[in-house]
């Protein structure tokens, strides 16, 4: 079975920051994950905002997943992340030495978010796993 999309979980404050950067003209983005996680190969990323609304807010074209030493990744791709500084990045990683940057482009916001109940029917699952899917 081929997989064409991956659902990325995001907090509302990070989604809002990402959309603000996108509206300001930033073309390339990276979603930061702790450890070695995330899609290896897919075509699309869908963004699920976990709290408080629990809905799918948008999508983007997947570019690649980069996994490496946290400092090396920050030096290469930190400018693409929505984190404002290396210090904020370190706090986000909670002391992890390995990180993943899920790189993407062409971020689009849905005019009307898709509810988690509707999305669950589309993907034929009761709920979206905490690590994405």
C-alpha atoms as a PDB file:
ATOM      1  CA  UNK A   1       0.000   0.000   0.000  1.00  0.00           C
ATOM      2  CA  UNK A   2       1.482   3.343  -1.050  1.00  0.00           C
ATOM      3  CA  UNK A   3       1.251   6.325   1.259  1.00  0.00           C
ATOM      4  CA  UNK A   4       0.813   9.754  -0.258  1.00  0.00           C
ATOM      5  CA  UNK A   5       0.260  11.944   2.791  1.00  0.00           C
ATOM      6  CA  UNK A   6       1.405  12.317   6.378  1.00  0.00           C
ATOM      7  CA  UNK A   7      -0.473  14.072   9.185  1.00  0.00           C
ATOM      8  CA  UNK A   8       1.718  16.357  11.301  1.00  0.00           C
ATOM      9  CA  UNK A   9       0.516  17.306  14.781  1.00  0.00           C
ATOM     10  CA  UNK A  10       1.005  20.909  15.822  1.00  0.00           C
ATOM     11  CA  UNK A  11       0.028  23.222  18.671  1.00  0.00           C
ATOM     12  CA  UNK A  12      -2.110  26.194  17.707  1.00  0.00           C
ATOM     13  CA  UNK A  13       0.559  28.731  18.720  1.00  0.00           C
ATOM     14  CA  UNK A  14       3.053  27.072  16.364  1.00  0.00           C
ATOM     15  CA  UNK A  15       0.504  26.797  13.554  1.00  0.00           C
ATOM     16  CA  UNK A  16      -0.286  30.501  13.888  1.00  0.00           C
ATOM     17  CA  UNK A  17       3.427  31.363  13.802  1.00  0.00           C
ATOM     18  CA  UNK A  18       3.955  29.152  10.741  1.00  0.00           C
ATOM     19  CA  UNK A  19       1.050  30.779   8.901  1.00  0.00           C
ATOM     20  CA  UNK A  20       2.359  34.236   9.778  1.00  0.00           C
ATOM     21  CA  UNK A  21       5.743  33.400   8.272  1.00  0.00           C
ATOM     22  CA  UNK A  22       4.062  31.948   5.205  1.00  0.00           C
ATOM     23  CA  UNK A  23       1.903  35.065   4.699  1.00  0.00           C
ATOM     24  CA  UNK A  24       5.053  37.186   5.032  1.00  0.00           C
ATOM     25  CA  UNK A  25       6.498  35.396   1.997  1.00  0.00           C
ATOM     26  CA  UNK A  26       8.660  32.668   3.509  1.00  0.00           C
ATOM     27  CA  UNK A  27       8.650  29.863   0.924  1.00  0.00           C
ATOM     28  CA  UNK A  28      10.584  27.002   2.538  1.00  0.00           C
ATOM     29  CA  UNK A  29       9.655  25.673   5.950  1.00  0.00           C
ATOM     30  CA  UNK A  30      10.790  22.952   8.335  1.00  0.00           C
ATOM     31  CA  UNK A  31       8.799  21.253  11.042  1.00  0.00           C
ATOM     32  CA  UNK A  32      11.047  20.232  13.960  1.00  0.00           C
ATOM     33  CA  UNK A  33      10.569  16.919  15.751  1.00  0.00           C
ATOM     34  CA  UNK A  34      12.403  15.474  18.752  1.00  0.00           C
ATOM     35  CA  UNK A  35      14.412  12.360  17.903  1.00  0.00           C
ATOM     36  CA  UNK A  36      14.248  10.445  14.623  1.00  0.00           C
ATOM     37  CA  UNK A  37      10.590  10.559  13.640  1.00  0.00           C
ATOM     38  CA  UNK A  38       8.395  11.657  10.784  1.00  0.00           C
ATOM     39  CA  UNK A  39       7.763  10.622   7.220  1.00  0.00           C
ATOM     40  CA  UNK A  40      10.549   9.246   5.060  1.00  0.00           C
ATOM     41  CA  UNK A  41       8.654   9.555   1.824  1.00  0.00           C
ATOM     42  CA  UNK A  42       5.302  11.148   1.064  1.00  0.00           C
ATOM     43  CA  UNK A  43       3.825  13.734  -1.270  1.00  0.00           C
ATOM     44  CA  UNK A  44       1.738  15.870   1.081  1.00  0.00           C
ATOM     45  CA  UNK A  45       1.750  16.936   4.710  1.00  0.00           C
ATOM     46  CA  UNK A  46      -1.515  17.758   6.456  1.00  0.00           C
ATOM     47  CA  UNK A  47      -1.380  19.898   9.593  1.00  0.00           C
ATOM     48  CA  UNK A  48      -3.542  18.812  12.520  1.00  0.00           C
ATOM     49  CA  UNK A  49      -3.837  21.425  15.266  1.00  0.00           C
ATOM     50  CA  UNK A  50      -4.233  19.431  18.447  1.00  0.00           C
ATOM     51  CA  UNK A  51      -5.526  21.938  20.939  1.00  0.00           C
ATOM     52  CA  UNK A  52      -7.998  23.458  21.503  1.00  0.00           C
ATOM     53  CA  UNK A  53      -9.974  22.890  18.291  1.00  0.00           C
ATOM     54  CA  UNK A  54      -8.584  19.563  17.063  1.00  0.00           C
ATOM     55  CA  UNK A  55      -8.875  20.068  13.325  1.00  0.00           C
ATOM     56  CA  UNK A  56      -6.901  19.895  10.091  1.00  0.00           C
ATOM     57  CA  UNK A  57      -5.920  23.456   9.153  1.00  0.00           C
ATOM     58  CA  UNK A  58      -3.859  23.112   5.985  1.00  0.00           C
ATOM     59  CA  UNK A  59      -1.422  21.178   3.839  1.00  0.00           C
ATOM     60  CA  UNK A  60       1.947  21.494   2.082  1.00  0.00           C
ATOM     61  CA  UNK A  61       4.218  19.720  -0.371  1.00  0.00           C
ATOM     62  CA  UNK A  62       6.717  17.433   1.354  1.00  0.00           C
ATOM     63  CA  UNK A  63      10.351  18.067   0.363  1.00  0.00           C
ATOM     64  CA  UNK A  64      12.386  15.738   2.588  1.00  0.00           C
ATOM     65  CA  UNK A  65      13.068  14.501   6.097  1.00  0.00           C
ATOM     66  CA  UNK A  66      16.501  15.278   7.573  1.00  0.00           C
ATOM     67  CA  UNK A  67      17.601  13.488  10.736  1.00  0.00           C
ATOM     68  CA  UNK A  68      20.932  14.216  12.407  1.00  0.00           C
ATOM     69  CA  UNK A  69      22.670  15.736  15.371  1.00  0.00           C
ATOM     70  CA  UNK A  70      20.504  18.590  16.690  1.00  0.00           C
ATOM     71  CA  UNK A  71      23.178  21.283  16.351  1.00  0.00           C
ATOM     72  CA  UNK A  72      24.099  20.240  12.800  1.00  0.00           C
ATOM     73  CA  UNK A  73      20.461  20.407  11.719  1.00  0.00           C
ATOM     74  CA  UNK A  74      19.968  23.823  13.300  1.00  0.00           C
ATOM     75  CA  UNK A  75      23.026  25.185  11.493  1.00  0.00           C
ATOM     76  CA  UNK A  76      21.747  23.867   8.155  1.00  0.00           C
ATOM     77  CA  UNK A  77      17.992  24.367   8.399  1.00  0.00           C
ATOM     78  CA  UNK A  78      17.225  26.434  11.498  1.00  0.00           C
ATOM     79  CA  UNK A  79      16.311  29.417   9.309  1.00  0.00           C
ATOM     80  CA  UNK A  80      13.470  27.327   7.818  1.00  0.00           C
ATOM     81  CA  UNK A  81      11.947  26.449  11.190  1.00  0.00           C
ATOM     82  CA  UNK A  82       9.343  28.489  12.995  1.00  0.00           C
ATOM     83  CA  UNK A  83      11.540  28.611  16.079  1.00  0.00           C
ATOM     84  CA  UNK A  84      13.039  32.045  16.574  1.00  0.00           C
ATOM     85  CA  UNK A  85      16.412  31.177  18.077  1.00  0.00           C
ATOM     86  CA  UNK A  86      18.803  28.360  18.908  1.00  0.00           C
ATOM     87  CA  UNK A  87      17.833  28.769  22.574  1.00  0.00           C
ATOM     88  CA  UNK A  88      14.134  28.283  21.765  1.00  0.00           C
ATOM     89  CA  UNK A  89      15.095  25.247  19.650  1.00  0.00           C
ATOM     90  CA  UNK A  90      17.063  23.716  22.547  1.00  0.00           C
ATOM     91  CA  UNK A  91      14.149  24.257  24.930  1.00  0.00           C
ATOM     92  CA  UNK A  92      11.801  22.615  22.421  1.00  0.00           C
ATOM     93  CA  UNK A  93      14.086  19.553  22.114  1.00  0.00           C
ATOM     94  CA  UNK A  94      13.982  18.949  25.882  1.00  0.00           C
ATOM     95  CA  UNK A  95      17.632  17.892  25.973  1.00  0.00           C
ATOM     96  CA  UNK A  96      17.482  15.472  23.039  1.00  0.00           C
ATOM     97  CA  UNK A  97      20.704  15.263  21.005  1.00  0.00           C
ATOM     98  CA  UNK A  98      19.032  13.985  17.835  1.00  0.00           C
ATOM     99  CA  UNK A  99      16.363  15.865  15.914  1.00  0.00           C
ATOM    100  CA  UNK A 100      14.384  15.667  12.715  1.00  0.00           C
ATOM    101  CA  UNK A 101      13.536  18.483  10.332  1.00  0.00           C
ATOM    102  CA  UNK A 102      10.584  17.725   8.071  1.00  0.00           C
ATOM    103  CA  UNK A 103      11.091  20.154   5.200  1.00  0.00           C
ATOM    104  CA  UNK A 104       8.170  21.369   3.100  1.00  0.00           C
ATOM    105  CA  UNK A 105       7.011  24.119   0.743  1.00  0.00           C
ATOM    106  CA  UNK A 106       3.806  25.566  -0.757  1.00  0.00           C
ATOM    107  CA  UNK A 107       1.957  25.774   2.556  1.00  0.00           C
ATOM    108  CA  UNK A 108      -1.788  26.296   2.049  1.00  0.00           C
ATOM    109  CA  UNK A 109      -4.346  27.073   4.733  1.00  0.00           C
ATOM    110  CA  UNK A 110      -7.823  25.623   4.377  1.00  0.00           C
ATOM    111  CA  UNK A 111     -10.505  28.314   4.125  1.00  0.00           C
ATOM    112  CA  UNK A 112     -12.538  26.199   6.522  1.00  0.00           C
ATOM    113  CA  UNK A 113     -10.695  23.737   8.807  1.00  0.00           C
ATOM    114  CA  UNK A 114     -11.650  20.061   8.561  1.00  0.00           C
ATOM    115  CA  UNK A 115     -12.903  18.684  11.882  1.00  0.00           C
ATOM    116  CA  UNK A 116     -11.173  15.688  13.439  1.00  0.00           C
ATOM    117  CA  UNK A 117     -14.438  13.719  13.222  1.00  0.00           C
ATOM    118  CA  UNK A 118     -14.709  14.340   9.489  1.00  0.00           C
ATOM    119  CA  UNK A 119     -11.030  13.567   9.000  1.00  0.00           C
ATOM    120  CA  UNK A 120     -11.355  10.315  10.983  1.00  0.00           C
ATOM    121  CA  UNK A 121     -14.008   9.157   8.520  1.00  0.00           C
ATOM    122  CA  UNK A 122     -11.766  10.062   5.568  1.00  0.00           C
ATOM    123  CA  UNK A 123      -8.741   8.140   6.877  1.00  0.00           C
ATOM    124  CA  UNK A 124     -10.878   5.372   8.387  1.00  0.00           C
ATOM    125  CA  UNK A 125      -9.409   5.685  11.897  1.00  0.00           C
ATOM    126  CA  UNK A 126     -11.111   6.558  15.178  1.00  0.00           C
ATOM    127  CA  UNK A 127      -8.495   9.146  16.082  1.00  0.00           C
ATOM    128  CA  UNK A 128      -5.185  10.559  14.914  1.00  0.00           C
ATOM    129  CA  UNK A 129      -2.141   9.000  16.657  1.00  0.00           C
ATOM    130  CA  UNK A 130      -0.060  11.307  18.881  1.00  0.00           C
ATOM    131  CA  UNK A 131       3.039  10.932  16.693  1.00  0.00           C
ATOM    132  CA  UNK A 132       1.192  11.730  13.479  1.00  0.00           C
ATOM    133  CA  UNK A 133       0.496   9.242  10.740  1.00  0.00           C
END
